[in-house]
Amino acid sequence: IIKPFKLDEVKDALNEIGIEGITVSEVKGFGRQKGHTELYRGAEY
C-alpha cells in the first residue's frame, strides 16, 4: 500500500529488477494517520 504519487517511480524501479507483472488498484484506507479535516465552502469535514 503506497501513496498514489509514488506509483510510477515504484513501477519503474520494479521493472528495472525484472518484475514484469503487477496488479494496481486504487484503494482508500487509514492507519495511524486517522484521516484529516478539510474545508469545503466554509464547512469543515
ModelCIF file with pLDDT and N, C-alpha, C, O atoms, coordinates in Angstrom:
data_MODEL
#
_entry.id   MODEL 
#
_entity.id                         1 
_entity.type                       polymer 
_entity.pdbx_number_of_molecules   1 
#
_entity_poly.entity_id                      1 
_entity_poly.type                           'polypeptide(L)' 
_entity_poly.nstd_linkage                   no 
_entity_poly.nstd_monomer                   no 
_entity_poly.pdbx_seq_one_letter_code       IIKPFKLDEVKDALNEIGIEGITVSEVKGFGRQKGHTELYRGAEY 
_entity_poly.pdbx_seq_one_letter_code_can   IIKPFKLDEVKDALNEIGIEGITVSEVKGFGRQKGHTELYRGAEY 
_entity_poly.pdbx_strand_id                 A 
#
loop_
_entity_poly_seq.entity_id 
_entity_poly_seq.num 
_entity_poly_seq.mon_id 
_entity_poly_seq.hetero 
1 1  ILE n 
1 2  ILE n 
1 3  LYS n 
1 4  PRO n 
1 5  PHE n 
1 6  LYS n 
1 7  LEU n 
1 8  ASP n 
1 9  GLU n 
1 10 VAL n 
1 11 LYS n 
1 12 ASP n 
1 13 ALA n 
1 14 LEU n 
1 15 ASN n 
1 16 GLU n 
1 17 ILE n 
1 18 GLY n 
1 19 ILE n 
1 20 GLU n 
1 21 GLY n 
1 22 ILE n 
1 23 THR n 
1 24 VAL n 
1 25 SER n 
1 26 GLU n 
1 27 VAL n 
1 28 LYS n 
1 29 GLY n 
1 30 PHE n 
1 31 GLY n 
1 32 ARG n 
1 33 GLN n 
1 34 LYS n 
1 35 GLY n 
1 36 HIS n 
1 37 THR n 
1 38 GLU n 
1 39 LEU n 
1 40 TYR n 
1 41 ARG n 
1 42 GLY n 
1 43 ALA n 
1 44 GLU n 
1 45 TYR n 
#
_struct_asym.id          A 
_struct_asym.entity_id   1 
#
loop_
_ma_qa_metric.id 
_ma_qa_metric.mode 
_ma_qa_metric.name 
_ma_qa_metric.software_group_id 
_ma_qa_metric.type 
1 global pLDDT . pLDDT 
2 local  pLDDT . pLDDT 
#
_ma_qa_metric_global.metric_id      1 
_ma_qa_metric_global.metric_value   87.02 
_ma_qa_metric_global.model_id       1 
_ma_qa_metric_global.ordinal_id     1 
#
loop_
_ma_qa_metric_local.label_asym_id 
_ma_qa_metric_local.label_comp_id 
_ma_qa_metric_local.label_seq_id 
_ma_qa_metric_local.metric_id 
_ma_qa_metric_local.metric_value 
_ma_qa_metric_local.model_id 
_ma_qa_metric_local.ordinal_id 
A ILE 1  2 97.00 1 1  
A ILE 2  2 97.00 1 2  
A LYS 3  2 95.00 1 3  
A PRO 4  2 97.00 1 4  
A PHE 5  2 97.00 1 5  
A LYS 6  2 97.00 1 6  
A LEU 7  2 97.00 1 7  
A ASP 8  2 97.00 1 8  
A GLU 9  2 97.00 1 9  
A VAL 10 2 97.00 1 10 
A LYS 11 2 97.00 1 11 
A ASP 12 2 97.00 1 12 
A ALA 13 2 97.00 1 13 
A LEU 14 2 97.00 1 14 
A ASN 15 2 96.00 1 15 
A GLU 16 2 96.00 1 16 
A ILE 17 2 95.00 1 17 
A GLY 18 2 93.00 1 18 
A ILE 19 2 93.00 1 19 
A GLU 20 2 86.00 1 20 
A GLY 21 2 91.00 1 21 
A ILE 22 2 96.00 1 22 
A THR 23 2 97.00 1 23 
A VAL 24 2 98.00 1 24 
A SER 25 2 98.00 1 25 
A GLU 26 2 97.00 1 26 
A VAL 27 2 96.00 1 27 
A LYS 28 2 90.00 1 28 
A GLY 29 2 86.00 1 29 
A PHE 30 2 80.00 1 30 
A GLY 31 2 80.00 1 31 
A ARG 32 2 75.00 1 32 
A GLN 33 2 66.00 1 33 
A LYS 34 2 68.00 1 34 
A GLY 35 2 64.00 1 35 
A HIS 36 2 64.00 1 36 
A THR 37 2 69.00 1 37 
A GLU 38 2 67.00 1 38 
A LEU 39 2 70.00 1 39 
A TYR 40 2 73.00 1 40 
A ARG 41 2 77.00 1 41 
A GLY 42 2 77.00 1 42 
A ALA 43 2 78.00 1 43 
A GLU 44 2 73.00 1 44 
A TYR 45 2 71.00 1 45 
#
loop_
_atom_site.group_PDB 
_atom_site.id 
_atom_site.type_symbol 
_atom_site.label_atom_id 
_atom_site.label_alt_id 
_atom_site.label_comp_id 
_atom_site.label_asym_id 
_atom_site.label_entity_id 
_atom_site.label_seq_id 
_atom_site.pdbx_PDB_ins_code 
_atom_site.Cartn_x 
_atom_site.Cartn_y 
_atom_site.Cartn_z 
_atom_site.occupancy 
_atom_site.B_iso_or_equiv 
_atom_site.pdbx_formal_charge 
_atom_site.auth_seq_id 
_atom_site.auth_comp_id 
_atom_site.auth_asym_id 
_atom_site.auth_atom_id 
_atom_site.pdbx_PDB_model_num 
ATOM 1   N N  . ILE A 1 1  ? 0.879   -1.164 0.000   1.00 97.00 ? 1  ILE A N  1 
ATOM 2   C CA . ILE A 1 1  ? 0.000   0.000  0.000   1.00 97.00 ? 1  ILE A CA 1 
ATOM 3   C C  . ILE A 1 1  ? 0.919   1.216  0.000   1.00 97.00 ? 1  ILE A C  1 
ATOM 4   O O  . ILE A 1 1  ? 1.715   1.398  0.921   1.00 97.00 ? 1  ILE A O  1 
ATOM 5   N N  . ILE A 1 2  ? 0.807   2.050  -1.036  1.00 97.00 ? 2  ILE A N  1 
ATOM 6   C CA . ILE A 1 2  ? 1.704   3.195  -1.166  1.00 97.00 ? 2  ILE A CA 1 
ATOM 7   C C  . ILE A 1 2  ? 0.922   4.467  -1.480  1.00 97.00 ? 2  ILE A C  1 
ATOM 8   O O  . ILE A 1 2  ? -0.271  4.421  -1.777  1.00 97.00 ? 2  ILE A O  1 
ATOM 9   N N  . LYS A 1 3  ? 1.612   5.599  -1.408  1.00 95.00 ? 3  LYS A N  1 
ATOM 10  C CA . LYS A 1 3  ? 1.000   6.875  -1.785  1.00 95.00 ? 3  LYS A CA 1 
ATOM 11  C C  . LYS A 1 3  ? 0.856   6.923  -3.307  1.00 95.00 ? 3  LYS A C  1 
ATOM 12  O O  . LYS A 1 3  ? 1.747   6.472  -4.028  1.00 95.00 ? 3  LYS A O  1 
ATOM 13  N N  . PRO A 1 4  ? -0.260  7.467  -3.798  1.00 97.00 ? 4  PRO A N  1 
ATOM 14  C CA . PRO A 1 4  ? -0.522  7.458  -5.242  1.00 97.00 ? 4  PRO A CA 1 
ATOM 15  C C  . PRO A 1 4  ? 0.575   8.092  -6.096  1.00 97.00 ? 4  PRO A C  1 
ATOM 16  O O  . PRO A 1 4  ? 0.872   7.586  -7.178  1.00 97.00 ? 4  PRO A O  1 
ATOM 17  N N  . PHE A 1 5  ? 1.177   9.177  -5.642  1.00 97.00 ? 5  PHE A N  1 
ATOM 18  C CA . PHE A 1 5  ? 2.164   9.862  -6.472  1.00 97.00 ? 5  PHE A CA 1 
ATOM 19  C C  . PHE A 1 5  ? 3.479   9.087  -6.594  1.00 97.00 ? 5  PHE A C  1 
ATOM 20  O O  . PHE A 1 5  ? 4.351   9.473  -7.373  1.00 97.00 ? 5  PHE A O  1 
ATOM 21  N N  . LYS A 1 6  ? 3.631   8.000  -5.833  1.00 97.00 ? 6  LYS A N  1 
ATOM 22  C CA . LYS A 1 6  ? 4.838   7.177  -5.901  1.00 97.00 ? 6  LYS A CA 1 
ATOM 23  C C  . LYS A 1 6  ? 4.700   6.011  -6.877  1.00 97.00 ? 6  LYS A C  1 
ATOM 24  O O  . LYS A 1 6  ? 5.669   5.284  -7.100  1.00 97.00 ? 6  LYS A O  1 
ATOM 25  N N  . LEU A 1 7  ? 3.523   5.817  -7.461  1.00 97.00 ? 7  LEU A N  1 
ATOM 26  C CA . LEU A 1 7  ? 3.269   4.650  -8.303  1.00 97.00 ? 7  LEU A CA 1 
ATOM 27  C C  . LEU A 1 7  ? 4.248   4.517  -9.462  1.00 97.00 ? 7  LEU A C  1 
ATOM 28  O O  . LEU A 1 7  ? 4.857   3.460  -9.627  1.00 97.00 ? 7  LEU A O  1 
ATOM 29  N N  . ASP A 1 8  ? 4.412   5.555  -10.261 1.00 97.00 ? 8  ASP A N  1 
ATOM 30  C CA . ASP A 1 8  ? 5.280   5.453  -11.434 1.00 97.00 ? 8  ASP A CA 1 
ATOM 31  C C  . ASP A 1 8  ? 6.721   5.154  -11.049 1.00 97.00 ? 8  ASP A C  1 
ATOM 32  O O  . ASP A 1 8  ? 7.393   4.355  -11.701 1.00 97.00 ? 8  ASP A O  1 
ATOM 33  N N  . GLU A 1 9  ? 7.185   5.792  -10.000 1.00 97.00 ? 9  GLU A N  1 
ATOM 34  C CA . GLU A 1 9  ? 8.556   5.578  -9.538  1.00 97.00 ? 9  GLU A CA 1 
ATOM 35  C C  . GLU A 1 9  ? 8.765   4.125  -9.077  1.00 97.00 ? 9  GLU A C  1 
ATOM 36  O O  . GLU A 1 9  ? 9.778   3.506  -9.401  1.00 97.00 ? 9  GLU A O  1 
ATOM 37  N N  . VAL A 1 10 ? 7.802   3.595  -8.323  1.00 97.00 ? 10 VAL A N  1 
ATOM 38  C CA . VAL A 1 10 ? 7.895   2.210  -7.841  1.00 97.00 ? 10 VAL A CA 1 
ATOM 39  C C  . VAL A 1 10 ? 7.804   1.238  -9.012  1.00 97.00 ? 10 VAL A C  1 
ATOM 40  O O  . VAL A 1 10 ? 8.564   0.272  -9.080  1.00 97.00 ? 10 VAL A O  1 
ATOM 41  N N  . LYS A 1 11 ? 6.881   1.489  -9.927  1.00 97.00 ? 11 LYS A N  1 
ATOM 42  C CA . LYS A 1 11 ? 6.715   0.616  -11.100 1.00 97.00 ? 11 LYS A CA 1 
ATOM 43  C C  . LYS A 1 11 ? 8.002   0.559  -11.920 1.00 97.00 ? 11 LYS A C  1 
ATOM 44  O O  . LYS A 1 11 ? 8.429   -0.521 -12.328 1.00 97.00 ? 11 LYS A O  1 
ATOM 45  N N  . ASP A 1 12 ? 8.615   1.703  -12.163 1.00 97.00 ? 12 ASP A N  1 
ATOM 46  C CA . ASP A 1 12 ? 9.856   1.746  -12.934 1.00 97.00 ? 12 ASP A CA 1 
ATOM 47  C C  . ASP A 1 12 ? 10.986  1.012  -12.215 1.00 97.00 ? 12 ASP A C  1 
ATOM 48  O O  . ASP A 1 12 ? 11.765  0.300  -12.849 1.00 97.00 ? 12 ASP A O  1 
ATOM 49  N N  . ALA A 1 13 ? 11.079  1.183  -10.896 1.00 97.00 ? 13 ALA A N  1 
ATOM 50  C CA . ALA A 1 13 ? 12.128  0.511  -10.118 1.00 97.00 ? 13 ALA A CA 1 
ATOM 51  C C  . ALA A 1 13 ? 11.936  -1.005 -10.135 1.00 97.00 ? 13 ALA A C  1 
ATOM 52  O O  . ALA A 1 13 ? 12.912  -1.751 -10.222 1.00 97.00 ? 13 ALA A O  1 
ATOM 53  N N  . LEU A 1 14 ? 10.683  -1.465 -10.053 1.00 97.00 ? 14 LEU A N  1 
ATOM 54  C CA . LEU A 1 14 ? 10.409  -2.904 -10.116 1.00 97.00 ? 14 LEU A CA 1 
ATOM 55  C C  . LEU A 1 14 ? 10.728  -3.455 -11.499 1.00 97.00 ? 14 LEU A C  1 
ATOM 56  O O  . LEU A 1 14 ? 11.237  -4.569 -11.628 1.00 97.00 ? 14 LEU A O  1 
ATOM 57  N N  . ASN A 1 15 ? 10.433  -2.682 -12.519 1.00 96.00 ? 15 ASN A N  1 
ATOM 58  C CA . ASN A 1 15 ? 10.733  -3.095 -13.886 1.00 96.00 ? 15 ASN A CA 1 
ATOM 59  C C  . ASN A 1 15 ? 12.245  -3.266 -14.075 1.00 96.00 ? 15 ASN A C  1 
ATOM 60  O O  . ASN A 1 15 ? 12.684  -4.175 -14.780 1.00 96.00 ? 15 ASN A O  1 
ATOM 61  N N  . GLU A 1 16 ? 13.031  -2.401 -13.452 1.00 96.00 ? 16 GLU A N  1 
ATOM 62  C CA . GLU A 1 16 ? 14.489  -2.472 -13.559 1.00 96.00 ? 16 GLU A CA 1 
ATOM 63  C C  . GLU A 1 16 ? 15.058  -3.756 -12.966 1.00 96.00 ? 16 GLU A C  1 
ATOM 64  O O  . GLU A 1 16 ? 16.108  -4.222 -13.409 1.00 96.00 ? 16 GLU A O  1 
ATOM 65  N N  . ILE A 1 17 ? 14.383  -4.340 -11.968 1.00 95.00 ? 17 ILE A N  1 
ATOM 66  C CA . ILE A 1 17 ? 14.893  -5.586 -11.374 1.00 95.00 ? 17 ILE A CA 1 
ATOM 67  C C  . ILE A 1 17 ? 14.244  -6.824 -11.997 1.00 95.00 ? 17 ILE A C  1 
ATOM 68  O O  . ILE A 1 17 ? 14.442  -7.943 -11.523 1.00 95.00 ? 17 ILE A O  1 
ATOM 69  N N  . GLY A 1 18 ? 13.467  -6.613 -13.065 1.00 93.00 ? 18 GLY A N  1 
ATOM 70  C CA . GLY A 1 18 ? 12.930  -7.745 -13.814 1.00 93.00 ? 18 GLY A CA 1 
ATOM 71  C C  . GLY A 1 18 ? 11.514  -8.161 -13.475 1.00 93.00 ? 18 GLY A C  1 
ATOM 72  O O  . GLY A 1 18 ? 11.058  -9.210 -13.929 1.00 93.00 ? 18 GLY A O  1 
ATOM 73  N N  . ILE A 1 19 ? 10.807  -7.365 -12.690 1.00 93.00 ? 19 ILE A N  1 
ATOM 74  C CA . ILE A 1 19 ? 9.408   -7.681 -12.381 1.00 93.00 ? 19 ILE A CA 1 
ATOM 75  C C  . ILE A 1 19 ? 8.554   -7.225 -13.559 1.00 93.00 ? 19 ILE A C  1 
ATOM 76  O O  . ILE A 1 19 ? 8.529   -6.041 -13.894 1.00 93.00 ? 19 ILE A O  1 
ATOM 77  N N  . GLU A 1 20 ? 7.858   -8.169 -14.184 1.00 86.00 ? 20 GLU A N  1 
ATOM 78  C CA . GLU A 1 20 ? 7.081   -7.854 -15.375 1.00 86.00 ? 20 GLU A CA 1 
ATOM 79  C C  . GLU A 1 20 ? 5.585   -7.762 -15.116 1.00 86.00 ? 20 GLU A C  1 
ATOM 80  O O  . GLU A 1 20 ? 4.870   -7.079 -15.849 1.00 86.00 ? 20 GLU A O  1 
ATOM 81  N N  . GLY A 1 21 ? 5.104   -8.443 -14.081 1.00 91.00 ? 21 GLY A N  1 
ATOM 82  C CA . GLY A 1 21 ? 3.674   -8.459 -13.825 1.00 91.00 ? 21 GLY A CA 1 
ATOM 83  C C  . GLY A 1 21 ? 3.331   -7.800 -12.505 1.00 91.00 ? 21 GLY A C  1 
ATOM 84  O O  . GLY A 1 21 ? 3.954   -8.072 -11.479 1.00 91.00 ? 21 GLY A O  1 
ATOM 85  N N  . ILE A 1 22 ? 2.331   -6.928 -12.543 1.00 96.00 ? 22 ILE A N  1 
ATOM 86  C CA . ILE A 1 22 ? 1.912   -6.222 -11.339 1.00 96.00 ? 22 ILE A CA 1 
ATOM 87  C C  . ILE A 1 22 ? 0.441   -5.850 -11.498 1.00 96.00 ? 22 ILE A C  1 
ATOM 88  O O  . ILE A 1 22 ? 0.002   -5.479 -12.586 1.00 96.00 ? 22 ILE A O  1 
ATOM 89  N N  . THR A 1 23 ? -0.306  -5.951 -10.422 1.00 97.00 ? 23 THR A N  1 
ATOM 90  C CA . THR A 1 23 ? -1.696  -5.528 -10.423 1.00 97.00 ? 23 THR A CA 1 
ATOM 91  C C  . THR A 1 23 ? -1.789  -4.290 -9.546  1.00 97.00 ? 23 THR A C  1 
ATOM 92  O O  . THR A 1 23 ? -1.265  -4.264 -8.432  1.00 97.00 ? 23 THR A O  1 
ATOM 93  N N  . VAL A 1 24 ? -2.460  -3.263 -10.057 1.00 98.00 ? 24 VAL A N  1 
ATOM 94  C CA . VAL A 1 24 ? -2.571  -1.990 -9.349  1.00 98.00 ? 24 VAL A CA 1 
ATOM 95  C C  . VAL A 1 24 ? -4.048  -1.683 -9.120  1.00 98.00 ? 24 VAL A C  1 
ATOM 96  O O  . VAL A 1 24 ? -4.858  -1.756 -10.044 1.00 98.00 ? 24 VAL A O  1 
ATOM 97  N N  . SER A 1 25 ? -4.387  -1.337 -7.876  1.00 98.00 ? 25 SER A N  1 
ATOM 98  C CA . SER A 1 25 ? -5.759  -0.957 -7.541  1.00 98.00 ? 25 SER A CA 1 
ATOM 99  C C  . SER A 1 25 ? -5.749  0.370  -6.799  1.00 98.00 ? 25 SER A C  1 
ATOM 100 O O  . SER A 1 25 ? -4.862  0.639  -5.990  1.00 98.00 ? 25 SER A O  1 
ATOM 101 N N  . GLU A 1 26 ? -6.745  1.190  -7.085  1.00 97.00 ? 26 GLU A N  1 
ATOM 102 C CA . GLU A 1 26 ? -6.929  2.407  -6.300  1.00 97.00 ? 26 GLU A CA 1 
ATOM 103 C C  . GLU A 1 26 ? -7.782  2.028  -5.097  1.00 97.00 ? 26 GLU A C  1 
ATOM 104 O O  . GLU A 1 26 ? -8.894  1.522  -5.249  1.00 97.00 ? 26 GLU A O  1 
ATOM 105 N N  . VAL A 1 27 ? -7.258  2.275  -3.902  1.00 96.00 ? 27 VAL A N  1 
ATOM 106 C CA . VAL A 1 27 ? -7.960  1.906  -2.674  1.00 96.00 ? 27 VAL A CA 1 
ATOM 107 C C  . VAL A 1 27 ? -8.023  3.113  -1.744  1.00 96.00 ? 27 VAL A C  1 
ATOM 108 O O  . VAL A 1 27 ? -7.378  4.133  -1.983  1.00 96.00 ? 27 VAL A O  1 
ATOM 109 N N  . LYS A 1 28 ? -8.798  2.981  -0.698  1.00 90.00 ? 28 LYS A N  1 
ATOM 110 C CA . LYS A 1 28 ? -8.873  4.019  0.335   1.00 90.00 ? 28 LYS A CA 1 
ATOM 111 C C  . LYS A 1 28 ? -8.742  3.350  1.684   1.00 90.00 ? 28 LYS A C  1 
ATOM 112 O O  . LYS A 1 28 ? -9.198  2.222  1.873   1.00 90.00 ? 28 LYS A O  1 
ATOM 113 N N  . GLY A 1 29 ? -8.123  4.040  2.617   1.00 86.00 ? 29 GLY A N  1 
ATOM 114 C CA . GLY A 1 29 ? -7.979  3.481  3.951   1.00 86.00 ? 29 GLY A CA 1 
ATOM 115 C C  . GLY A 1 29 ? -7.276  4.445  4.870   1.00 86.00 ? 29 GLY A C  1 
ATOM 116 O O  . GLY A 1 29 ? -6.979  5.582  4.504   1.00 86.00 ? 29 GLY A O  1 
ATOM 117 N N  . PHE A 1 30 ? -7.013  3.968  6.077   1.00 80.00 ? 30 PHE A N  1 
ATOM 118 C CA . PHE A 1 30 ? -6.237  4.772  7.011   1.00 80.00 ? 30 PHE A CA 1 
ATOM 119 C C  . PHE A 1 30 ? -5.549  3.863  8.000   1.00 80.00 ? 30 PHE A C  1 
ATOM 120 O O  . PHE A 1 30 ? -5.993  2.744  8.259   1.00 80.00 ? 30 PHE A O  1 
ATOM 121 N N  . GLY A 1 31 ? -4.477  4.353  8.538   1.00 80.00 ? 31 GLY A N  1 
ATOM 122 C CA . GLY A 1 31 ? -3.728  3.658  9.579   1.00 80.00 ? 31 GLY A CA 1 
ATOM 123 C C  . GLY A 1 31 ? -3.581  4.618  10.735  1.00 80.00 ? 31 GLY A C  1 
ATOM 124 O O  . GLY A 1 31 ? -4.571  5.123  11.263  1.00 80.00 ? 31 GLY A O  1 
ATOM 125 N N  . ARG A 1 32 ? -2.358  4.869  11.125  1.00 75.00 ? 32 ARG A N  1 
ATOM 126 C CA . ARG A 1 32 ? -2.115  5.813  12.212  1.00 75.00 ? 32 ARG A CA 1 
ATOM 127 C C  . ARG A 1 32 ? -2.492  7.235  11.831  1.00 75.00 ? 32 ARG A C  1 
ATOM 128 O O  . ARG A 1 32 ? -2.702  8.077  12.704  1.00 75.00 ? 32 ARG A O  1 
ATOM 129 N N  . GLN A 1 33 ? -2.581  7.509  10.533  1.00 66.00 ? 33 GLN A N  1 
ATOM 130 C CA . GLN A 1 33 ? -2.939  8.839  10.058  1.00 66.00 ? 33 GLN A CA 1 
ATOM 131 C C  . GLN A 1 33 ? -4.316  9.268  10.541  1.00 66.00 ? 33 GLN A C  1 
ATOM 132 O O  . GLN A 1 33 ? -4.526  10.438 10.859  1.00 66.00 ? 33 GLN A O  1 
ATOM 133 N N  . LYS A 1 34 ? -5.239  8.344  10.599  1.00 68.00 ? 34 LYS A N  1 
ATOM 134 C CA . LYS A 1 34 ? -6.618  8.588  11.030  1.00 68.00 ? 34 LYS A CA 1 
ATOM 135 C C  . LYS A 1 34 ? -7.343  9.649  10.200  1.00 68.00 ? 34 LYS A C  1 
ATOM 136 O O  . LYS A 1 34 ? -8.268  10.292 10.696  1.00 68.00 ? 34 LYS A O  1 
ATOM 137 N N  . GLY A 1 35 ? -6.944  9.834  8.969   1.00 64.00 ? 35 GLY A N  1 
ATOM 138 C CA . GLY A 1 35 ? -7.622  10.810 8.120   1.00 64.00 ? 35 GLY A CA 1 
ATOM 139 C C  . GLY A 1 35 ? -7.214  12.224 8.461   1.00 64.00 ? 35 GLY A C  1 
ATOM 140 O O  . GLY A 1 35 ? -6.246  12.449 9.188   1.00 64.00 ? 35 GLY A O  1 
ATOM 141 N N  . HIS A 1 36 ? -7.970  13.189 7.922   1.00 64.00 ? 36 HIS A N  1 
ATOM 142 C CA . HIS A 1 36 ? -7.687  14.593 8.183   1.00 64.00 ? 36 HIS A CA 1 
ATOM 143 C C  . HIS A 1 36 ? -8.941  15.407 7.924   1.00 64.00 ? 36 HIS A C  1 
ATOM 144 O O  . HIS A 1 36 ? -9.914  14.904 7.362   1.00 64.00 ? 36 HIS A O  1 
ATOM 145 N N  . THR A 1 37 ? -8.914  16.668 8.337   1.00 69.00 ? 37 THR A N  1 
ATOM 146 C CA . THR A 1 37 ? -10.064 17.543 8.102   1.00 69.00 ? 37 THR A CA 1 
ATOM 147 C C  . THR A 1 37 ? -9.763  18.459 6.914   1.00 69.00 ? 37 THR A C  1 
ATOM 148 O O  . THR A 1 37 ? -8.623  18.869 6.697   1.00 69.00 ? 37 THR A O  1 
ATOM 149 N N  . GLU A 1 38 ? -10.803 18.765 6.163   1.00 67.00 ? 38 GLU A N  1 
ATOM 150 C CA . GLU A 1 38 ? -10.687 19.675 5.033   1.00 67.00 ? 38 GLU A CA 1 
ATOM 151 C C  . GLU A 1 38 ? -11.795 20.706 5.112   1.00 67.00 ? 38 GLU A C  1 
ATOM 152 O O  . GLU A 1 38 ? -12.793 20.522 5.809   1.00 67.00 ? 38 GLU A O  1 
ATOM 153 N N  . LEU A 1 39 ? -11.601 21.785 4.392   1.00 70.00 ? 39 LEU A N  1 
ATOM 154 C CA . LEU A 1 39 ? -12.581 22.861 4.360   1.00 70.00 ? 39 LEU A CA 1 
ATOM 155 C C  . LEU A 1 39 ? -13.201 22.901 2.970   1.00 70.00 ? 39 LEU A C  1 
ATOM 156 O O  . LEU A 1 39 ? -12.487 22.955 1.969   1.00 70.00 ? 39 LEU A O  1 
ATOM 157 N N  . TYR A 1 40 ? -14.533 22.874 2.908   1.00 73.00 ? 40 TYR A N  1 
ATOM 158 C CA . TYR A 1 40 ? -15.223 22.944 1.627   1.00 73.00 ? 40 TYR A CA 1 
ATOM 159 C C  . TYR A 1 40 ? -16.375 23.921 1.756   1.00 73.00 ? 40 TYR A C  1 
ATOM 160 O O  . TYR A 1 40 ? -17.297 23.693 2.539   1.00 73.00 ? 40 TYR A O  1 
ATOM 161 N N  . ARG A 1 41 ? -16.336 25.005 0.997   1.00 77.00 ? 41 ARG A N  1 
ATOM 162 C CA . ARG A 1 41 ? -17.361 26.051 1.025   1.00 77.00 ? 41 ARG A CA 1 
ATOM 163 C C  . ARG A 1 41 ? -17.648 26.518 2.449   1.00 77.00 ? 41 ARG A C  1 
ATOM 164 O O  . ARG A 1 41 ? -18.801 26.704 2.840   1.00 77.00 ? 41 ARG A O  1 
ATOM 165 N N  . GLY A 1 42 ? -16.603 26.697 3.191   1.00 77.00 ? 42 GLY A N  1 
ATOM 166 C CA . GLY A 1 42 ? -16.732 27.217 4.547   1.00 77.00 ? 42 GLY A CA 1 
ATOM 167 C C  . GLY A 1 42 ? -17.081 26.190 5.605   1.00 77.00 ? 42 GLY A C  1 
ATOM 168 O O  . GLY A 1 42 ? -17.088 26.509 6.794   1.00 77.00 ? 42 GLY A O  1 
ATOM 169 N N  . ALA A 1 43 ? -17.371 24.970 5.199   1.00 78.00 ? 43 ALA A N  1 
ATOM 170 C CA . ALA A 1 43 ? -17.727 23.926 6.165   1.00 78.00 ? 43 ALA A CA 1 
ATOM 171 C C  . ALA A 1 43 ? -16.542 22.971 6.319   1.00 78.00 ? 43 ALA A C  1 
ATOM 172 O O  . ALA A 1 43 ? -15.925 22.568 5.333   1.00 78.00 ? 43 ALA A O  1 
ATOM 173 N N  . GLU A 1 44 ? -16.239 22.623 7.545   1.00 73.00 ? 44 GLU A N  1 
ATOM 174 C CA . GLU A 1 44 ? -15.155 21.691 7.820   1.00 73.00 ? 44 GLU A CA 1 
ATOM 175 C C  . GLU A 1 44 ? -15.724 20.275 7.866   1.00 73.00 ? 44 GLU A C  1 
ATOM 176 O O  . GLU A 1 44 ? -16.772 20.039 8.466   1.00 73.00 ? 44 GLU A O  1 
ATOM 177 N N  . TYR A 1 45 ? -15.032 19.344 7.233   1.00 71.00 ? 45 TYR A N  1 
ATOM 178 C CA . TYR A 1 45 ? -15.472 17.960 7.284   1.00 71.00 ? 45 TYR A CA 1 
ATOM 179 C C  . TYR A 1 45 ? -14.258 17.042 7.391   1.00 71.00 ? 45 TYR A C  1 
ATOM 180 O O  . TYR A 1 45 ? -14.410 15.821 7.447   1.00 71.00 ? 45 TYR A O  1 
#
